[in-house]
Amino acid sequence: MIILSVISFFYKSFRDNRVISAILKGMEAGVAATIVDILIDMWQGIIREKNLLLTLMAPITFFANFVFNINVLVIIIFCSVLCFIQAYIKIRQGGIRGE
């Protein structure tokens, strides 16, 4: 929190500096590439698991947020509840053991 306060305090001077502005602009591309790489790795893990709920969850949540403007927090809570229910059902059926 302290670091964020210091950065926000000096943000105006950073923003006006051409060198710092160019560095920050270059970092945007790096951050975007990192996010895409993480998404690909996560998606490959989901596909490998062969879980229909998880496979359908990603495109449905994107559609729910992008088209219907449903709040991300509501989507996260709803998906968490669905995953807990699925895990509970699998445990009751003996499908998940202490891994």
PDB file of N, CA and C in Angstrom:
ATOM      1  N   MET A   1       0.825  -1.189   0.000  1.00  0.00           N
ATOM      2  CA  MET A   1       0.000   0.000   0.000  1.00  0.00           C
ATOM      3  C   MET A   1       0.867   1.249   0.000  1.00  0.00           C
ATOM      4  N   ILE A   2       1.946   1.190   0.732  1.00  0.00           N
ATOM      5  CA  ILE A   2       2.850   2.338   0.785  1.00  0.00           C
ATOM      6  C   ILE A   2       3.493   2.561  -0.579  1.00  0.00           C
ATOM      7  N   ILE A   3       3.891   1.467  -1.229  1.00  0.00           N
ATOM      8  CA  ILE A   3       4.521   1.570  -2.543  1.00  0.00           C
ATOM      9  C   ILE A   3       3.552   2.188  -3.548  1.00  0.00           C
ATOM     10  N   LEU A   4       2.293   1.751  -3.511  1.00  0.00           N
ATOM     11  CA  LEU A   4       1.289   2.325  -4.416  1.00  0.00           C
ATOM     12  C   LEU A   4       1.091   3.819  -4.158  1.00  0.00           C
ATOM     13  N   SER A   5       1.104   4.206  -2.912  1.00  0.00           N
ATOM     14  CA  SER A   5       0.947   5.622  -2.579  1.00  0.00           C
ATOM     15  C   SER A   5       2.104   6.453  -3.120  1.00  0.00           C
ATOM     16  N   VAL A   6       3.302   5.942  -2.980  1.00  0.00           N
ATOM     17  CA  VAL A   6       4.477   6.659  -3.475  1.00  0.00           C
ATOM     18  C   VAL A   6       4.439   6.759  -4.997  1.00  0.00           C
ATOM     19  N   ILE A   7       4.096   5.660  -5.655  1.00  0.00           N
ATOM     20  CA  ILE A   7       4.042   5.669  -7.118  1.00  0.00           C
ATOM     21  C   ILE A   7       2.967   6.638  -7.608  1.00  0.00           C
ATOM     22  N   SER A   8       1.799   6.620  -6.995  1.00  0.00           N
ATOM     23  CA  SER A   8       0.737   7.521  -7.431  1.00  0.00           C
ATOM     24  C   SER A   8       1.098   8.988  -7.169  1.00  0.00           C
ATOM     25  N   PHE A   9       1.874   9.235  -6.131  1.00  0.00           N
ATOM     26  CA  PHE A   9       2.291  10.603  -5.816  1.00  0.00           C
ATOM     27  C   PHE A   9       3.213  11.149  -6.909  1.00  0.00           C
ATOM     28  N   PHE A  10       4.105  10.324  -7.397  1.00  0.00           N
ATOM     29  CA  PHE A  10       5.062  10.754  -8.413  1.00  0.00           C
ATOM     30  C   PHE A  10       4.599  10.454  -9.836  1.00  0.00           C
ATOM     31  N   TYR A  11       3.379   9.998  -9.993  1.00  0.00           N
ATOM     32  CA  TYR A  11       2.901   9.578 -11.314  1.00  0.00           C
ATOM     33  C   TYR A  11       2.914  10.713 -12.331  1.00  0.00           C
ATOM     34  N   LYS A  12       2.530  11.902 -11.926  1.00  0.00           N
ATOM     35  CA  LYS A  12       2.480  13.019 -12.868  1.00  0.00           C
ATOM     36  C   LYS A  12       3.854  13.320 -13.453  1.00  0.00           C
ATOM     37  N   SER A  13       4.872  13.308 -12.615  1.00  0.00           N
ATOM     38  CA  SER A  13       6.217  13.579 -13.137  1.00  0.00           C
ATOM     39  C   SER A  13       6.702  12.423 -14.013  1.00  0.00           C
ATOM     40  N   PHE A  14       6.325  11.179 -13.678  1.00  0.00           N
ATOM     41  CA  PHE A  14       6.687  10.038 -14.512  1.00  0.00           C
ATOM     42  C   PHE A  14       5.982  10.131 -15.864  1.00  0.00           C
ATOM     43  N   ARG A  15       4.727  10.507 -15.831  1.00  0.00           N
ATOM     44  CA  ARG A  15       3.925  10.563 -17.050  1.00  0.00           C
ATOM     45  C   ARG A  15       4.473  11.590 -18.028  1.00  0.00           C
ATOM     46  N   ASP A  16       4.964  12.694 -17.542  1.00  0.00           N
ATOM     47  CA  ASP A  16       5.465  13.764 -18.408  1.00  0.00           C
ATOM     48  C   ASP A  16       6.865  13.486 -18.948  1.00  0.00           C
ATOM     49  N   ASN A  17       7.613  12.588 -18.345  1.00  0.00           N
ATOM     50  CA  ASN A  17       8.962  12.256 -18.805  1.00  0.00           C
ATOM     51  C   ASN A  17       8.857  11.348 -20.025  1.00  0.00           C
ATOM     52  N   ARG A  18       9.480  11.743 -21.147  1.00  0.00           N
ATOM     53  CA  ARG A  18       9.358  10.988 -22.399  1.00  0.00           C
ATOM     54  C   ARG A  18      10.007   9.610 -22.305  1.00  0.00           C
ATOM     55  N   VAL A  19      11.141   9.510 -21.625  1.00  0.00           N
ATOM     56  CA  VAL A  19      11.838   8.228 -21.513  1.00  0.00           C
ATOM     57  C   VAL A  19      11.009   7.254 -20.681  1.00  0.00           C
ATOM     58  N   ILE A  20      10.548   7.709 -19.538  1.00  0.00           N
ATOM     59  CA  ILE A  20       9.731   6.858 -18.663  1.00  0.00           C
ATOM     60  C   ILE A  20       8.444   6.455 -19.382  1.00  0.00           C
ATOM     61  N   SER A  21       7.845   7.392 -20.111  1.00  0.00           N
ATOM     62  CA  SER A  21       6.617   7.097 -20.852  1.00  0.00           C
ATOM     63  C   SER A  21       6.863   6.013 -21.895  1.00  0.00           C
ATOM     64  N   ALA A  22       8.000   6.066 -22.586  1.00  0.00           N
ATOM     65  CA  ALA A  22       8.328   5.042 -23.583  1.00  0.00           C
ATOM     66  C   ALA A  22       8.574   3.694 -22.917  1.00  0.00           C
ATOM     67  N   ILE A  23       9.227   3.688 -21.772  1.00  0.00           N
ATOM     68  CA  ILE A  23       9.475   2.437 -21.041  1.00  0.00           C
ATOM     69  C   ILE A  23       8.156   1.811 -20.602  1.00  0.00           C
ATOM     70  N   LEU A  24       7.268   2.625 -20.057  1.00  0.00           N
ATOM     71  CA  LEU A  24       5.967   2.113 -19.615  1.00  0.00           C
ATOM     72  C   LEU A  24       5.153   1.595 -20.798  1.00  0.00           C
ATOM     73  N   LYS A  25       5.244   2.252 -21.940  1.00  0.00           N
ATOM     74  CA  LYS A  25       4.529   1.801 -23.131  1.00  0.00           C
ATOM     75  C   LYS A  25       5.068   0.443 -23.584  1.00  0.00           C
ATOM     76  N   GLY A  26       6.388   0.256 -23.498  1.00  0.00           N
ATOM     77  CA  GLY A  26       6.980  -1.030 -23.842  1.00  0.00           C
ATOM     78  C   GLY A  26       6.589  -2.120 -22.871  1.00  0.00           C
ATOM     79  N   MET A  27       6.425  -1.763 -21.607  1.00  0.00           N
ATOM     80  CA  MET A  27       6.019  -2.740 -20.601  1.00  0.00           C
ATOM     81  C   MET A  27       4.596  -3.221 -20.840  1.00  0.00           C
ATOM     82  N   GLU A  28       3.750  -2.387 -21.430  1.00  0.00           N
ATOM     83  CA  GLU A  28       2.375  -2.804 -21.726  1.00  0.00           C
ATOM     84  C   GLU A  28       2.360  -4.025 -22.634  1.00  0.00           C
ATOM     85  N   ALA A  29       3.201  -4.031 -23.638  1.00  0.00           N
ATOM     86  CA  ALA A  29       3.258  -5.172 -24.553  1.00  0.00           C
ATOM     87  C   ALA A  29       3.745  -6.421 -23.829  1.00  0.00           C
ATOM     88  N   GLY A  30       4.736  -6.259 -22.943  1.00  0.00           N
ATOM     89  CA  GLY A  30       5.241  -7.402 -22.174  1.00  0.00           C
ATOM     90  C   GLY A  30       4.187  -7.977 -21.247  1.00  0.00           C
ATOM     91  N   VAL A  31       3.440  -7.118 -20.612  1.00  0.00           N
ATOM     92  CA  VAL A  31       2.375  -7.576 -19.711  1.00  0.00           C
ATOM     93  C   VAL A  31       1.290  -8.290 -20.502  1.00  0.00           C
ATOM     94  N   ALA A  32       0.920  -7.748 -21.643  1.00  0.00           N
ATOM     95  CA  ALA A  32      -0.103  -8.394 -22.481  1.00  0.00           C
ATOM     96  C   ALA A  32       0.369  -9.770 -22.943  1.00  0.00           C
ATOM     97  N   ALA A  33       1.627  -9.877 -23.343  1.00  0.00           N
ATOM     98  CA  ALA A  33       2.164 -11.171 -23.780  1.00  0.00           C
ATOM     99  C   ALA A  33       2.185 -12.174 -22.632  1.00  0.00           C
ATOM    100  N   THR A  34       2.525 -11.722 -21.436  1.00  0.00           N
ATOM    101  CA  THR A  34       2.543 -12.599 -20.266  1.00  0.00           C
ATOM    102  C   THR A  34       1.138 -13.103 -19.943  1.00  0.00           C
ATOM    103  N   ILE A  35       0.157 -12.223 -20.005  1.00  0.00           N
ATOM    104  CA  ILE A  35      -1.227 -12.624 -19.737  1.00  0.00           C
ATOM    105  C   ILE A  35      -1.702 -13.647 -20.761  1.00  0.00           C
ATOM    106  N   VAL A  36      -1.394 -13.433 -22.029  1.00  0.00           N
ATOM    107  CA  VAL A  36      -1.791 -14.391 -23.068  1.00  0.00           C
ATOM    108  C   VAL A  36      -1.125 -15.740 -22.835  1.00  0.00           C
ATOM    109  N   ASP A  37       0.159 -15.746 -22.468  1.00  0.00           N
ATOM    110  CA  ASP A  37       0.870 -16.994 -22.197  1.00  0.00           C
ATOM    111  C   ASP A  37       0.236 -17.753 -21.030  1.00  0.00           C
ATOM    112  N   ILE A  38      -0.112 -17.033 -19.978  1.00  0.00           N
ATOM    113  CA  ILE A  38      -0.745 -17.663 -18.815  1.00  0.00           C
ATOM    114  C   ILE A  38      -2.109 -18.234 -19.198  1.00  0.00           C
ATOM    115  N   LEU A  39      -2.878 -17.486 -19.982  1.00  0.00           N
ATOM    116  CA  LEU A  39      -4.190 -17.974 -20.413  1.00  0.00           C
ATOM    117  C   LEU A  39      -4.069 -19.245 -21.243  1.00  0.00           C
ATOM    118  N   ILE A  40      -3.097 -19.291 -22.132  1.00  0.00           N
ATOM    119  CA  ILE A  40      -2.901 -20.494 -22.953  1.00  0.00           C
ATOM    120  C   ILE A  40      -2.537 -21.682 -22.074  1.00  0.00           C
ATOM    121  N   ASP A  41      -1.623 -21.483 -21.121  1.00  0.00           N
ATOM    122  CA  ASP A  41      -1.236 -22.575 -20.210  1.00  0.00           C
ATOM    123  C   ASP A  41      -2.422 -23.066 -19.386  1.00  0.00           C
ATOM    124  N   MET A  42      -3.226 -22.131 -18.879  1.00  0.00           N
ATOM    125  CA  MET A  42      -4.391 -22.518 -18.089  1.00  0.00           C
ATOM    126  C   MET A  42      -5.395 -23.275 -18.946  1.00  0.00           C
ATOM    127  N   TRP A  43      -5.628 -22.809 -20.165  1.00  0.00           N
ATOM    128  CA  TRP A  43      -6.601 -23.455 -21.041  1.00  0.00           C
ATOM    129  C   TRP A  43      -6.144 -24.864 -21.399  1.00  0.00           C
ATOM    130  N   GLN A  44      -4.845 -25.054 -21.640  1.00  0.00           N
ATOM    131  CA  GLN A  44      -4.337 -26.390 -21.947  1.00  0.00           C
ATOM    132  C   GLN A  44      -4.552 -27.339 -20.768  1.00  0.00           C
ATOM    133  N   GLY A  45      -4.371 -26.849 -19.544  1.00  0.00           N
ATOM    134  CA  GLY A  45      -4.629 -27.671 -18.363  1.00  0.00           C
ATOM    135  C   GLY A  45      -6.088 -28.050 -18.233  1.00  0.00           C
ATOM    136  N   ILE A  46      -6.967 -27.112 -18.546  1.00  0.00           N
ATOM    137  CA  ILE A  46      -8.407 -27.386 -18.471  1.00  0.00           C
ATOM    138  C   ILE A  46      -8.803 -28.431 -19.501  1.00  0.00           C
ATOM    139  N   ILE A  47      -8.308 -28.299 -20.715  1.00  0.00           N
ATOM    140  CA  ILE A  47      -8.627 -29.254 -21.777  1.00  0.00           C
ATOM    141  C   ILE A  47      -8.083 -30.637 -21.425  1.00  0.00           C
ATOM    142  N   ARG A  48      -6.866 -30.689 -20.865  1.00  0.00           N
ATOM    143  CA  ARG A  48      -6.256 -31.958 -20.499  1.00  0.00           C
ATOM    144  C   ARG A  48      -7.055 -32.678 -19.420  1.00  0.00           C
ATOM    145  N   GLU A  49      -7.700 -31.926 -18.547  1.00  0.00           N
ATOM    146  CA  GLU A  49      -8.469 -32.515 -17.450  1.00  0.00           C
ATOM    147  C   GLU A  49      -9.763 -33.167 -17.943  1.00  0.00           C
ATOM    148  N   LYS A  50     -10.238 -32.762 -19.096  1.00  0.00           N
ATOM    149  CA  LYS A  50     -11.452 -33.308 -19.702  1.00  0.00           C
ATOM    150  C   LYS A  50     -12.670 -33.180 -18.778  1.00  0.00           C
ATOM    151  N   ASN A  51     -12.827 -31.997 -18.221  1.00  0.00           N
ATOM    152  CA  ASN A  51     -13.944 -31.692 -17.342  1.00  0.00           C
ATOM    153  C   ASN A  51     -14.885 -30.765 -18.117  1.00  0.00           C
ATOM    154  N   LEU A  52     -16.080 -31.223 -18.400  1.00  0.00           N
ATOM    155  CA  LEU A  52     -17.022 -30.458 -19.211  1.00  0.00           C
ATOM    156  C   LEU A  52     -17.366 -29.114 -18.573  1.00  0.00           C
ATOM    157  N   LEU A  53     -17.563 -29.080 -17.265  1.00  0.00           N
ATOM    158  CA  LEU A  53     -17.901 -27.837 -16.582  1.00  0.00           C
ATOM    159  C   LEU A  53     -16.797 -26.800 -16.776  1.00  0.00           C
ATOM    160  N   LEU A  54     -15.546 -27.196 -16.544  1.00  0.00           N
ATOM    161  CA  LEU A  54     -14.445 -26.256 -16.678  1.00  0.00           C
ATOM    162  C   LEU A  54     -14.217 -25.850 -18.131  1.00  0.00           C
ATOM    163  N   THR A  55     -14.433 -26.782 -19.046  1.00  0.00           N
ATOM    164  CA  THR A  55     -14.243 -26.481 -20.463  1.00  0.00           C
ATOM    165  C   THR A  55     -15.262 -25.453 -20.949  1.00  0.00           C
ATOM    166  N   LEU A  56     -16.487 -25.577 -20.510  1.00  0.00           N
ATOM    167  CA  LEU A  56     -17.527 -24.635 -20.929  1.00  0.00           C
ATOM    168  C   LEU A  56     -17.527 -23.338 -20.128  1.00  0.00           C
ATOM    169  N   MET A  57     -16.911 -23.368 -18.947  1.00  0.00           N
ATOM    170  CA  MET A  57     -16.962 -22.209 -18.061  1.00  0.00           C
ATOM    171  C   MET A  57     -16.265 -20.984 -18.666  1.00  0.00           C
ATOM    172  N   ALA A  58     -15.117 -21.163 -19.286  1.00  0.00           N
ATOM    173  CA  ALA A  58     -14.371 -20.020 -19.814  1.00  0.00           C
ATOM    174  C   ALA A  58     -15.140 -19.269 -20.907  1.00  0.00           C
ATOM    175  N   PRO A  59     -15.619 -19.932 -21.949  1.00  0.00           N
ATOM    176  CA  PRO A  59     -16.348 -19.161 -22.969  1.00  0.00           C
ATOM    177  C   PRO A  59     -17.683 -18.599 -22.457  1.00  0.00           C
ATOM    178  N   ILE A  60     -18.342 -19.318 -21.577  1.00  0.00           N
ATOM    179  CA  ILE A  60     -19.622 -18.825 -21.061  1.00  0.00           C
ATOM    180  C   ILE A  60     -19.419 -17.593 -20.182  1.00  0.00           C
ATOM    181  N   THR A  61     -18.384 -17.606 -19.353  1.00  0.00           N
ATOM    182  CA  THR A  61     -18.137 -16.443 -18.497  1.00  0.00           C
ATOM    183  C   THR A  61     -17.721 -15.235 -19.329  1.00  0.00           C
ATOM    184  N   PHE A  62     -16.928 -15.456 -20.381  1.00  0.00           N
ATOM    185  CA  PHE A  62     -16.579 -14.343 -21.267  1.00  0.00           C
ATOM    186  C   PHE A  62     -17.843 -13.766 -21.901  1.00  0.00           C
ATOM    187  N   PHE A  63     -18.693 -14.638 -22.407  1.00  0.00           N
ATOM    188  CA  PHE A  63     -19.944 -14.213 -23.033  1.00  0.00           C
ATOM    189  C   PHE A  63     -20.829 -13.467 -22.031  1.00  0.00           C
ATOM    190  N   ALA A  64     -20.908 -13.976 -20.811  1.00  0.00           N
ATOM    191  CA  ALA A  64     -21.751 -13.339 -19.786  1.00  0.00           C
ATOM    192  C   ALA A  64     -21.258 -11.930 -19.459  1.00  0.00           C
ATOM    193  N   ASN A  65     -19.953 -11.765 -19.388  1.00  0.00           N
ATOM    194  CA  ASN A  65     -19.415 -10.445 -19.069  1.00  0.00           C
ATOM    195  C   ASN A  65     -19.449  -9.515 -20.264  1.00  0.00           C
ATOM    196  N   PHE A  66     -19.048  -9.997 -21.418  1.00  0.00           N
ATOM    197  CA  PHE A  66     -18.918  -9.140 -22.593  1.00  0.00           C
ATOM    198  C   PHE A  66     -20.270  -8.733 -23.173  1.00  0.00           C
ATOM    199  N   VAL A  67     -21.189  -9.685 -23.264  1.00  0.00           N
ATOM    200  CA  VAL A  67     -22.480  -9.406 -23.893  1.00  0.00           C
ATOM    201  C   VAL A  67     -23.488  -8.848 -22.895  1.00  0.00           C
ATOM    202  N   PHE A  68     -23.590  -9.495 -21.725  1.00  0.00           N
ATOM    203  CA  PHE A  68     -24.617  -9.107 -20.755  1.00  0.00           C
ATOM    204  C   PHE A  68     -24.118  -8.161 -19.676  1.00  0.00           C
ATOM    205  N   ASN A  69     -22.833  -7.815 -19.703  1.00  0.00           N
ATOM    206  CA  ASN A  69     -22.232  -6.900 -18.717  1.00  0.00           C
ATOM    207  C   ASN A  69     -22.463  -7.349 -17.272  1.00  0.00           C
ATOM    208  N   ILE A  70     -22.394  -8.653 -17.031  1.00  0.00           N
ATOM    209  CA  ILE A  70     -22.525  -9.167 -15.671  1.00  0.00           C
ATOM    210  C   ILE A  70     -21.216  -8.883 -14.934  1.00  0.00           C
ATOM    211  N   ASN A  71     -21.328  -8.405 -13.717  1.00  0.00           N
ATOM    212  CA  ASN A  71     -20.166  -8.043 -12.916  1.00  0.00           C
ATOM    213  C   ASN A  71     -19.227  -9.243 -12.754  1.00  0.00           C
ATOM    214  N   VAL A  72     -17.934  -8.988 -12.864  1.00  0.00           N
ATOM    215  CA  VAL A  72     -16.936 -10.049 -12.776  1.00  0.00           C
ATOM    216  C   VAL A  72     -16.986 -10.743 -11.416  1.00  0.00           C
ATOM    217  N   LEU A  73     -17.218  -9.989 -10.352  1.00  0.00           N
ATOM    218  CA  LEU A  73     -17.290 -10.577  -9.016  1.00  0.00           C
ATOM    219  C   LEU A  73     -18.439 -11.572  -8.920  1.00  0.00           C
ATOM    220  N   VAL A  74     -19.568 -11.248  -9.508  1.00  0.00           N
ATOM    221  CA  VAL A  74     -20.721 -12.161  -9.515  1.00  0.00           C
ATOM    222  C   VAL A  74     -20.369 -13.436 -10.282  1.00  0.00           C
ATOM    223  N   ILE A  75     -19.677 -13.281 -11.412  1.00  0.00           N
ATOM    224  CA  ILE A  75     -19.277 -14.438 -12.209  1.00  0.00           C
ATOM    225  C   ILE A  75     -18.317 -15.322 -11.427  1.00  0.00           C
ATOM    226  N   ILE A  76     -17.337 -14.715 -10.764  1.00  0.00           N
ATOM    227  CA  ILE A  76     -16.353 -15.484  -9.987  1.00  0.00           C
ATOM    228  C   ILE A  76     -17.032 -16.245  -8.857  1.00  0.00           C
ATOM    229  N   ILE A  77     -17.926 -15.595  -8.140  1.00  0.00           N
ATOM    230  CA  ILE A  77     -18.631 -16.257  -7.035  1.00  0.00           C
ATOM    231  C   ILE A  77     -19.492 -17.402  -7.569  1.00  0.00           C
ATOM    232  N   PHE A  78     -20.216 -17.161  -8.647  1.00  0.00           N
ATOM    233  CA  PHE A  78     -21.066 -18.196  -9.224  1.00  0.00           C
ATOM    234  C   PHE A  78     -20.241 -19.398  -9.689  1.00  0.00           C
ATOM    235  N   CYS A  79     -19.131 -19.149 -10.371  1.00  0.00           N
ATOM    236  CA  CYS A  79     -18.278 -20.243 -10.847  1.00  0.00           C
ATOM    237  C   CYS A  79     -17.646 -21.001  -9.681  1.00  0.00           C
ATOM    238  N   SER A  80     -17.273 -20.283  -8.632  1.00  0.00           N
ATOM    239  CA  SER A  80     -16.712 -20.939  -7.447  1.00  0.00           C
ATOM    240  C   SER A  80     -17.728 -21.875  -6.811  1.00  0.00           C
ATOM    241  N   VAL A  81     -18.966 -21.411  -6.690  1.00  0.00           N
ATOM    242  CA  VAL A  81     -20.018 -22.241  -6.118  1.00  0.00           C
ATOM    243  C   VAL A  81     -20.241 -23.481  -6.984  1.00  0.00           C
ATOM    244  N   LEU A  82     -20.278 -23.300  -8.305  1.00  0.00           N
ATOM    245  CA  LEU A  82     -20.439 -24.453  -9.195  1.00  0.00           C
ATOM    246  C   LEU A  82     -19.306 -25.460  -9.029  1.00  0.00           C
ATOM    247  N   CYS A  83     -18.072 -24.977  -8.915  1.00  0.00           N
ATOM    248  CA  CYS A  83     -16.924 -25.886  -8.755  1.00  0.00           C
ATOM    249  C   CYS A  83     -16.968 -26.600  -7.405  1.00  0.00           C
ATOM    250  N   PHE A  84     -17.373 -25.889  -6.357  1.00  0.00           N
ATOM    251  CA  PHE A  84     -17.507 -26.534  -5.046  1.00  0.00           C
ATOM    252  C   PHE A  84     -18.582 -27.619  -5.085  1.00  0.00           C
ATOM    253  N   ILE A  85     -19.687 -27.335  -5.758  1.00  0.00           N
ATOM    254  CA  ILE A  85     -20.757 -28.333  -5.876  1.00  0.00           C
ATOM    255  C   ILE A  85     -20.260 -29.544  -6.648  1.00  0.00           C
ATOM    256  N   GLN A  86     -19.550 -29.308  -7.746  1.00  0.00           N
ATOM    257  CA  GLN A  86     -19.026 -30.420  -8.535  1.00  0.00           C
ATOM    258  C   GLN A  86     -18.024 -31.248  -7.719  1.00  0.00           C
ATOM    259  N   ALA A  87     -17.150 -30.595  -6.976  1.00  0.00           N
ATOM    260  CA  ALA A  87     -16.187 -31.322  -6.144  1.00  0.00           C
ATOM    261  C   ALA A  87     -16.902 -32.112  -5.053  1.00  0.00           C
ATOM    262  N   TYR A  88     -17.930 -31.532  -4.449  1.00  0.00           N
ATOM    263  CA  TYR A  88     -18.698 -32.213  -3.404  1.00  0.00           C
ATOM    264  C   TYR A  88     -19.359 -33.477  -3.955  1.00  0.00           C
ATOM    265  N   ILE A  89     -19.942 -33.346  -5.147  1.00  0.00           N
ATOM    266  CA  ILE A  89     -20.591 -34.506  -5.766  1.00  0.00           C
ATOM    267  C   ILE A  89     -19.574 -35.592  -6.073  1.00  0.00           C
ATOM    268  N   LYS A  90     -18.416 -35.203  -6.588  1.00  0.00           N
ATOM    269  CA  LYS A  90     -17.380 -36.198  -6.899  1.00  0.00           C
ATOM    270  C   LYS A  90     -16.859 -36.871  -5.635  1.00  0.00           C
ATOM    271  N   ILE A  91     -16.721 -36.121  -4.559  1.00  0.00           N
ATOM    272  CA  ILE A  91     -16.263 -36.713  -3.297  1.00  0.00           C
ATOM    273  C   ILE A  91     -17.300 -37.698  -2.779  1.00  0.00           C
ATOM    274  N   ARG A  92     -18.577 -37.323  -2.858  1.00  0.00           N
ATOM    275  CA  ARG A  92     -19.647 -38.208  -2.387  1.00  0.00           C
ATOM    276  C   ARG A  92     -19.712 -39.496  -3.204  1.00  0.00           C
ATOM    277  N   GLN A  93     -19.335 -39.411  -4.471  1.00  0.00           N
ATOM    278  CA  GLN A  93     -19.352 -40.591  -5.330  1.00  0.00           C
ATOM    279  C   GLN A  93     -18.035 -41.359  -5.260  1.00  0.00           C
ATOM    280  N   GLY A  94     -17.094 -40.851  -4.504  1.00  0.00           N
ATOM    281  CA  GLY A  94     -15.799 -41.530  -4.366  1.00  0.00           C
ATOM    282  C   GLY A  94     -14.850 -41.250  -5.517  1.00  0.00           C
ATOM    283  N   GLY A  95     -15.091 -40.193  -6.278  1.00  0.00           N
ATOM    284  CA  GLY A  95     -14.267 -39.896  -7.435  1.00  0.00           C
ATOM    285  C   GLY A  95     -12.998 -39.131  -7.143  1.00  0.00           C
ATOM    286  N   ILE A  96     -12.933 -38.441  -6.012  1.00  0.00           N
ATOM    287  CA  ILE A  96     -11.739 -37.668  -5.661  1.00  0.00           C
ATOM    288  C   ILE A  96     -11.157 -38.246  -4.385  1.00  0.00           C
ATOM    289  N   ARG A  97      -9.895 -38.572  -4.440  1.00  0.00           N
ATOM    290  CA  ARG A  97      -9.200 -39.070  -3.263  1.00  0.00           C
ATOM    291  C   ARG A  97      -8.118 -38.078  -2.884  1.00  0.00           C
ATOM    292  N   GLY A  98      -7.578 -38.181  -1.704  1.00  0.00           N
ATOM    293  CA  GLY A  98      -6.495 -37.290  -1.258  1.00  0.00           C
ATOM    294  C   GLY A  98      -5.305 -37.399  -2.178  1.00  0.00           C
ATOM    295  N   GLU A  99      -5.176 -36.439  -3.073  1.00  0.00           N
ATOM    296  CA  GLU A  99      -4.100 -36.479  -4.064  1.00  0.00           C
ATOM    297  C   GLU A  99      -2.857 -35.847  -3.540  1.00  0.00           C
TER     298      GLU A  99
END
